[in-house]
Amino acid sequence: MAAVLPRWLWLLVMILGAGVEGFGSDPPTLGEPAVQATPDRLMGDEAAASDARERKRKAYAGLLALLGIALTGVGLAAMVLLWGARLRRVNRQPLPAADLKDELWFLRAGKGARDADGEANDAESREERD
């Protein structure tokens, strides 16, 4: 996978660069000049070169943004995988032993509980009644 990414990156840069530099145009032959050097032509070449530089700069900025998004996504996916492995490891460990003093504590009457007669139902009040 690591070797595939640079190939795609190189291919993307070549495609973007081809649009900037006029890929597909025929090169001049040996006997004829490439461009007629007139002042009007030179001004147009400067503007075209400026546009080409601007497009190339924007293409690299977009490529850098895509690369940043891809790396962030890969980092987040790796973090989720590592976090899940840690969580699974923690969940497989046995729970610590619990000291239950009275397992049926909820069935006991409390200190302030009253009977149906309205009298206190705790041990001290029973001893006082008897």
C-alpha atoms as a PDB file:
ATOM      1  CA  MET A   1       0.000   0.000   0.000  1.00  0.00           C
ATOM      2  CA  ALA A   2       2.870   2.339   0.785  1.00  0.00           C
ATOM      3  CA  ALA A   3       4.314   1.910  -2.714  1.00  0.00           C
ATOM      4  CA  VAL A   4       0.949   2.536  -4.382  1.00  0.00           C
ATOM      5  CA  LEU A   5       0.377   5.951  -2.822  1.00  0.00           C
ATOM      6  CA  PRO A   6       3.483   7.601  -4.314  1.00  0.00           C
ATOM      7  CA  ARG A   7       2.585   6.250  -7.755  1.00  0.00           C
ATOM      8  CA  TRP A   8      -0.874   7.776  -7.574  1.00  0.00           C
ATOM      9  CA  LEU A   9       0.573  10.968  -6.194  1.00  0.00           C
ATOM     10  CA  TRP A  10       3.100  11.136  -9.020  1.00  0.00           C
ATOM     11  CA  LEU A  11       0.368  10.424 -11.572  1.00  0.00           C
ATOM     12  CA  LEU A  12      -1.802  13.212 -10.151  1.00  0.00           C
ATOM     13  CA  VAL A  13       1.074  15.681 -10.240  1.00  0.00           C
ATOM     14  CA  MET A  14       1.852  14.726 -13.842  1.00  0.00           C
ATOM     15  CA  ILE A  15      -1.779  15.146 -14.896  1.00  0.00           C
ATOM     16  CA  LEU A  16      -2.066  18.520 -13.193  1.00  0.00           C
ATOM     17  CA  GLY A  17       1.291  19.618 -14.593  1.00  0.00           C
ATOM     18  CA  ALA A  18       0.305  18.517 -18.103  1.00  0.00           C
ATOM     19  CA  GLY A  19      -2.620  20.919 -18.144  1.00  0.00           C
ATOM     20  CA  VAL A  20      -0.377  23.756 -17.043  1.00  0.00           C
ATOM     21  CA  GLU A  21       2.424  23.320 -19.528  1.00  0.00           C
ATOM     22  CA  GLY A  22       0.300  22.531 -22.589  1.00  0.00           C
ATOM     23  CA  PHE A  23       0.774  18.794 -22.830  1.00  0.00           C
ATOM     24  CA  GLY A  24       0.098  17.485 -26.301  1.00  0.00           C
ATOM     25  CA  SER A  25       1.361  20.459 -28.295  1.00  0.00           C
ATOM     26  CA  ASP A  26       3.841  19.664 -31.058  1.00  0.00           C
ATOM     27  CA  PRO A  27       7.439  20.715 -30.392  1.00  0.00           C
ATOM     28  CA  PRO A  28       8.992  23.098 -32.929  1.00  0.00           C
ATOM     29  CA  THR A  29      11.170  21.613 -35.654  1.00  0.00           C
ATOM     30  CA  LEU A  30      14.860  22.381 -35.901  1.00  0.00           C
ATOM     31  CA  GLY A  31      14.582  24.915 -38.733  1.00  0.00           C
ATOM     32  CA  GLU A  32      11.779  27.179 -37.421  1.00  0.00           C
ATOM     33  CA  PRO A  33      11.730  29.427 -34.335  1.00  0.00           C
ATOM     34  CA  ALA A  34       9.514  28.326 -31.475  1.00  0.00           C
ATOM     35  CA  VAL A  35       7.897  31.731 -30.866  1.00  0.00           C
ATOM     36  CA  GLN A  36       8.003  35.017 -32.760  1.00  0.00           C
ATOM     37  CA  ALA A  37       9.549  37.593 -30.432  1.00  0.00           C
ATOM     38  CA  THR A  38       7.235  40.600 -30.666  1.00  0.00           C
ATOM     39  CA  PRO A  39       6.374  42.945 -27.780  1.00  0.00           C
ATOM     40  CA  ASP A  40       2.696  41.912 -27.917  1.00  0.00           C
ATOM     41  CA  ARG A  41       3.655  38.261 -27.877  1.00  0.00           C
ATOM     42  CA  LEU A  42       6.021  38.781 -24.939  1.00  0.00           C
ATOM     43  CA  MET A  43       3.281  40.446 -22.858  1.00  0.00           C
ATOM     44  CA  GLY A  44       0.947  37.542 -23.621  1.00  0.00           C
ATOM     45  CA  ASP A  45       3.639  35.030 -22.658  1.00  0.00           C
ATOM     46  CA  GLU A  46       4.166  36.755 -19.314  1.00  0.00           C
ATOM     47  CA  ALA A  47       0.449  36.690 -18.600  1.00  0.00           C
ATOM     48  CA  ALA A  48       0.217  33.041 -19.676  1.00  0.00           C
ATOM     49  CA  ALA A  49       3.236  32.155 -17.555  1.00  0.00           C
ATOM     50  CA  SER A  50       1.700  33.977 -14.588  1.00  0.00           C
ATOM     51  CA  ASP A  51      -1.564  32.092 -15.084  1.00  0.00           C
ATOM     52  CA  ALA A  52       0.334  28.823 -15.374  1.00  0.00           C
ATOM     53  CA  ARG A  53       2.228  29.504 -12.139  1.00  0.00           C
ATOM     54  CA  GLU A  54      -1.016  30.424 -10.380  1.00  0.00           C
ATOM     55  CA  ARG A  55      -2.762  27.267 -11.564  1.00  0.00           C
ATOM     56  CA  LYS A  56       0.223  25.154 -10.543  1.00  0.00           C
ATOM     57  CA  ARG A  57       0.278  26.769  -7.096  1.00  0.00           C
ATOM     58  CA  LYS A  58      -3.448  26.111  -6.665  1.00  0.00           C
ATOM     59  CA  ALA A  59      -3.032  22.521  -7.846  1.00  0.00           C
ATOM     60  CA  TYR A  60      -0.290  21.894  -5.280  1.00  0.00           C
ATOM     61  CA  ALA A  61      -2.362  23.545  -2.546  1.00  0.00           C
ATOM     62  CA  GLY A  62      -5.315  21.281  -3.389  1.00  0.00           C
ATOM     63  CA  LEU A  63      -3.076  18.244  -3.483  1.00  0.00           C
ATOM     64  CA  LEU A  64      -1.615  19.166  -0.108  1.00  0.00           C
ATOM     65  CA  ALA A  65      -5.136  19.578   1.314  1.00  0.00           C
ATOM     66  CA  LEU A  66      -6.166  16.145   0.012  1.00  0.00           C
ATOM     67  CA  LEU A  67      -3.008  14.620   1.428  1.00  0.00           C
ATOM     68  CA  GLY A  68      -3.724  16.204   4.820  1.00  0.00           C
ATOM     69  CA  ILE A  69      -7.288  14.884   4.827  1.00  0.00           C
ATOM     70  CA  ALA A  70      -6.097  11.393   3.862  1.00  0.00           C
ATOM     71  CA  LEU A  71      -3.415  11.317   6.558  1.00  0.00           C
ATOM     72  CA  THR A  72      -5.884  12.557   9.171  1.00  0.00           C
ATOM     73  CA  GLY A  73      -8.335   9.812   8.191  1.00  0.00           C
ATOM     74  CA  VAL A  74      -5.660   7.120   8.370  1.00  0.00           C
ATOM     75  CA  GLY A  75      -4.554   8.421  11.763  1.00  0.00           C
ATOM     76  CA  LEU A  76      -8.096   8.382  13.120  1.00  0.00           C
ATOM     77  CA  ALA A  77      -8.707   4.866  11.790  1.00  0.00           C
ATOM     78  CA  ALA A  78      -5.484   3.650  13.441  1.00  0.00           C
ATOM     79  CA  MET A  79      -6.516   5.303  16.708  1.00  0.00           C
ATOM     80  CA  VAL A  80      -9.912   3.554  16.643  1.00  0.00           C
ATOM     81  CA  LEU A  81      -8.261   0.183  15.977  1.00  0.00           C
ATOM     82  CA  LEU A  82      -5.806   0.608  18.844  1.00  0.00           C
ATOM     83  CA  TRP A  83      -8.513   1.877  21.178  1.00  0.00           C
ATOM     84  CA  GLY A  84     -10.761  -1.086  20.309  1.00  0.00           C
ATOM     85  CA  ALA A  85      -7.966  -3.578  20.978  1.00  0.00           C
ATOM     86  CA  ARG A  86      -7.291  -1.985  24.374  1.00  0.00           C
ATOM     87  CA  LEU A  87     -10.999  -2.011  25.246  1.00  0.00           C
ATOM     88  CA  ARG A  88     -11.301  -5.682  24.291  1.00  0.00           C
ATOM     89  CA  ARG A  89      -8.272  -6.538  26.434  1.00  0.00           C
ATOM     90  CA  VAL A  90      -9.707  -4.685  29.447  1.00  0.00           C
ATOM     91  CA  ASN A  91     -13.134  -6.325  29.045  1.00  0.00           C
ATOM     92  CA  ARG A  92     -11.641  -9.830  28.952  1.00  0.00           C
ATOM     93  CA  GLN A  93     -10.038  -9.425  32.377  1.00  0.00           C
ATOM     94  CA  PRO A  94     -12.054 -10.892  35.264  1.00  0.00           C
ATOM     95  CA  LEU A  95     -13.765  -8.514  37.640  1.00  0.00           C
ATOM     96  CA  PRO A  96     -12.315  -8.067  41.129  1.00  0.00           C
ATOM     97  CA  ALA A  97     -13.942  -9.985  43.966  1.00  0.00           C
ATOM     98  CA  ALA A  98     -16.674  -8.055  45.772  1.00  0.00           C
ATOM     99  CA  ASP A  99     -17.192  -8.226  49.533  1.00  0.00           C
ATOM    100  CA  LEU A 100     -20.945  -8.467  50.036  1.00  0.00           C
ATOM    101  CA  LYS A 101     -21.666  -8.342  53.742  1.00  0.00           C
ATOM    102  CA  ASP A 102     -25.365  -9.006  53.470  1.00  0.00           C
ATOM    103  CA  GLU A 103     -26.607 -10.093  50.074  1.00  0.00           C
ATOM    104  CA  LEU A 104     -30.243  -9.572  51.072  1.00  0.00           C
ATOM    105  CA  TRP A 105     -29.766  -6.084  52.527  1.00  0.00           C
ATOM    106  CA  PHE A 106     -32.714  -4.744  50.610  1.00  0.00           C
ATOM    107  CA  LEU A 107     -35.134  -7.071  52.450  1.00  0.00           C
ATOM    108  CA  ARG A 108     -34.208  -5.716  55.863  1.00  0.00           C
ATOM    109  CA  ALA A 109     -36.384  -3.065  57.415  1.00  0.00           C
ATOM    110  CA  GLY A 110     -34.613   0.235  57.835  1.00  0.00           C
ATOM    111  CA  LYS A 111     -34.059   2.150  61.082  1.00  0.00           C
ATOM    112  CA  GLY A 112     -36.854   4.592  60.388  1.00  0.00           C
ATOM    113  CA  ALA A 113     -39.378   2.115  58.979  1.00  0.00           C
ATOM    114  CA  ARG A 114     -42.831   1.971  60.615  1.00  0.00           C
ATOM    115  CA  ASP A 115     -45.357  -0.821  60.916  1.00  0.00           C
ATOM    116  CA  ALA A 116     -48.911  -0.566  59.686  1.00  0.00           C
ATOM    117  CA  ASP A 117     -49.868   0.569  63.243  1.00  0.00           C
ATOM    118  CA  GLY A 118     -47.508   3.510  62.918  1.00  0.00           C
ATOM    119  CA  GLU A 119     -45.027   2.169  65.453  1.00  0.00           C
ATOM    120  CA  ALA A 120     -41.269   2.056  64.813  1.00  0.00           C
ATOM    121  CA  ASN A 121     -40.060  -1.239  63.413  1.00  0.00           C
ATOM    122  CA  ASP A 122     -36.412  -1.246  64.384  1.00  0.00           C
ATOM    123  CA  ALA A 123     -34.681  -3.522  66.889  1.00  0.00           C
ATOM    124  CA  GLU A 124     -34.364  -0.900  69.642  1.00  0.00           C
ATOM    125  CA  SER A 125     -38.068  -0.081  69.707  1.00  0.00           C
ATOM    126  CA  ARG A 126     -38.962  -3.789  69.785  1.00  0.00           C
ATOM    127  CA  GLU A 127     -36.775  -4.290  72.827  1.00  0.00           C
ATOM    128  CA  GLU A 128     -38.398  -1.309  74.538  1.00  0.00           C
ATOM    129  CA  ARG A 129     -41.903  -2.702  73.878  1.00  0.00           C
ATOM    130  CA  ASP A 130     -41.076  -6.116  75.286  1.00  0.00           C
END
